[in-house]
Amino acid sequence: MKPSLQQSFGQCVRALRQAHGMTQVEFSEKCGFYQTYLSRIENGQANPTLNAMEVIAVGLGLTVFELFERVREQAQVQLTS
């Protein structure tokens, strides 16, 4: 079954955060979010605003467009797996 955009976005954020060696607590503090909000995003249970997506992207050293390209790439990999 194809994951929702929310799920794909969250999975991508988690993978990128982990690749940067940050815990949820560290990354949520960097972004100015509550850790529970970041957890809900990563689990596909929250629908972040465009502003929140931009904060996440910047926290990962990306633009929003680069972040969504990563989400698209990951979703394609999941479809072919």
Protein backbone atom coordinates (compact mmCIF):
# COMPACT_ATOMS: atom_id res chain seq x y z
CA MET A 1 0.00 0.00 0.00
CA LYS A 2 1.29 3.45 -0.94
CA PRO A 3 2.14 5.61 2.09
CA SER A 4 0.41 8.97 2.38
CA LEU A 5 2.33 12.17 1.72
CA GLN A 6 2.25 12.84 5.46
CA GLN A 7 3.82 9.44 6.15
CA SER A 8 6.44 9.83 3.41
CA PHE A 9 7.33 13.31 4.64
CA GLY A 10 7.70 12.10 8.22
CA GLN A 11 9.79 9.09 7.27
CA CYS A 12 12.08 11.31 5.22
CA VAL A 13 12.47 13.85 8.02
CA ARG A 14 13.34 11.04 10.45
CA ALA A 15 15.91 9.52 8.08
CA LEU A 16 17.55 12.90 7.39
CA ARG A 17 17.58 13.83 11.09
CA GLN A 18 19.22 10.53 11.96
CA ALA A 19 21.73 10.95 9.11
CA HIS A 20 22.69 14.27 10.72
CA GLY A 21 23.23 12.42 14.02
CA MET A 22 20.53 14.31 15.91
CA THR A 23 18.03 12.95 18.39
CA GLN A 24 14.42 14.08 18.25
CA VAL A 25 15.05 16.24 21.30
CA GLU A 26 18.09 17.92 19.73
CA PHE A 27 16.37 18.52 16.41
CA SER A 28 13.13 19.74 17.95
CA GLU A 29 15.11 22.25 20.05
CA LYS A 30 17.01 23.38 16.95
CA CYS A 31 13.70 23.93 15.14
CA GLY A 32 11.92 25.50 18.11
CA PHE A 33 9.29 22.73 18.22
CA TYR A 34 8.05 20.57 21.05
CA GLN A 35 9.56 17.08 20.79
CA THR A 36 6.07 15.60 20.75
CA TYR A 37 5.17 17.67 17.66
CA LEU A 38 8.29 16.48 15.83
CA SER A 39 7.47 12.91 16.83
CA ARG A 40 3.96 13.27 15.41
CA ILE A 41 5.40 14.67 12.15
CA GLU A 42 7.88 11.80 11.86
CA ASN A 43 5.12 9.26 12.53
CA GLY A 44 2.83 10.78 9.90
CA GLN A 45 0.29 11.87 12.51
CA ALA A 46 0.72 15.64 12.15
CA ASN A 47 0.21 17.80 9.10
CA PRO A 48 2.92 20.47 9.36
CA THR A 49 2.34 23.95 7.99
CA LEU A 50 4.46 25.34 5.17
CA ASN A 51 6.28 27.45 7.75
CA ALA A 52 7.05 24.35 9.83
CA MET A 53 8.29 22.54 6.71
CA GLU A 54 10.62 25.44 5.97
CA VAL A 55 11.98 25.38 9.53
CA ILE A 56 12.56 21.62 9.24
CA ALA A 57 14.28 22.00 5.87
CA VAL A 58 16.58 24.76 7.14
CA GLY A 59 17.36 22.68 10.23
CA LEU A 60 18.50 19.92 7.89
CA GLY A 61 20.56 22.29 5.74
CA LEU A 62 18.12 22.12 2.82
CA THR A 63 15.60 24.30 1.05
CA VAL A 64 11.94 23.28 1.12
CA PHE A 65 12.28 22.27 -2.53
CA GLU A 66 15.30 20.07 -1.80
CA LEU A 67 13.46 18.48 1.12
CA PHE A 68 10.47 17.65 -1.05
CA GLU A 69 12.77 16.21 -3.72
CA ARG A 70 14.12 13.86 -1.04
CA VAL A 71 10.55 12.97 -0.03
CA ARG A 72 9.72 12.23 -3.68
CA GLU A 73 12.83 10.07 -4.11
CA GLN A 74 12.07 8.11 -0.95
CA ALA A 75 8.45 7.57 -1.99
CA GLN A 76 9.61 6.20 -5.34
CA VAL A 77 11.97 3.78 -3.62
CA GLN A 78 9.13 2.59 -1.38
CA LEU A 79 6.89 1.99 -4.40
CA THR A 80 9.51 -0.16 -6.13
CA SER A 81 10.39 -2.14 -2.98
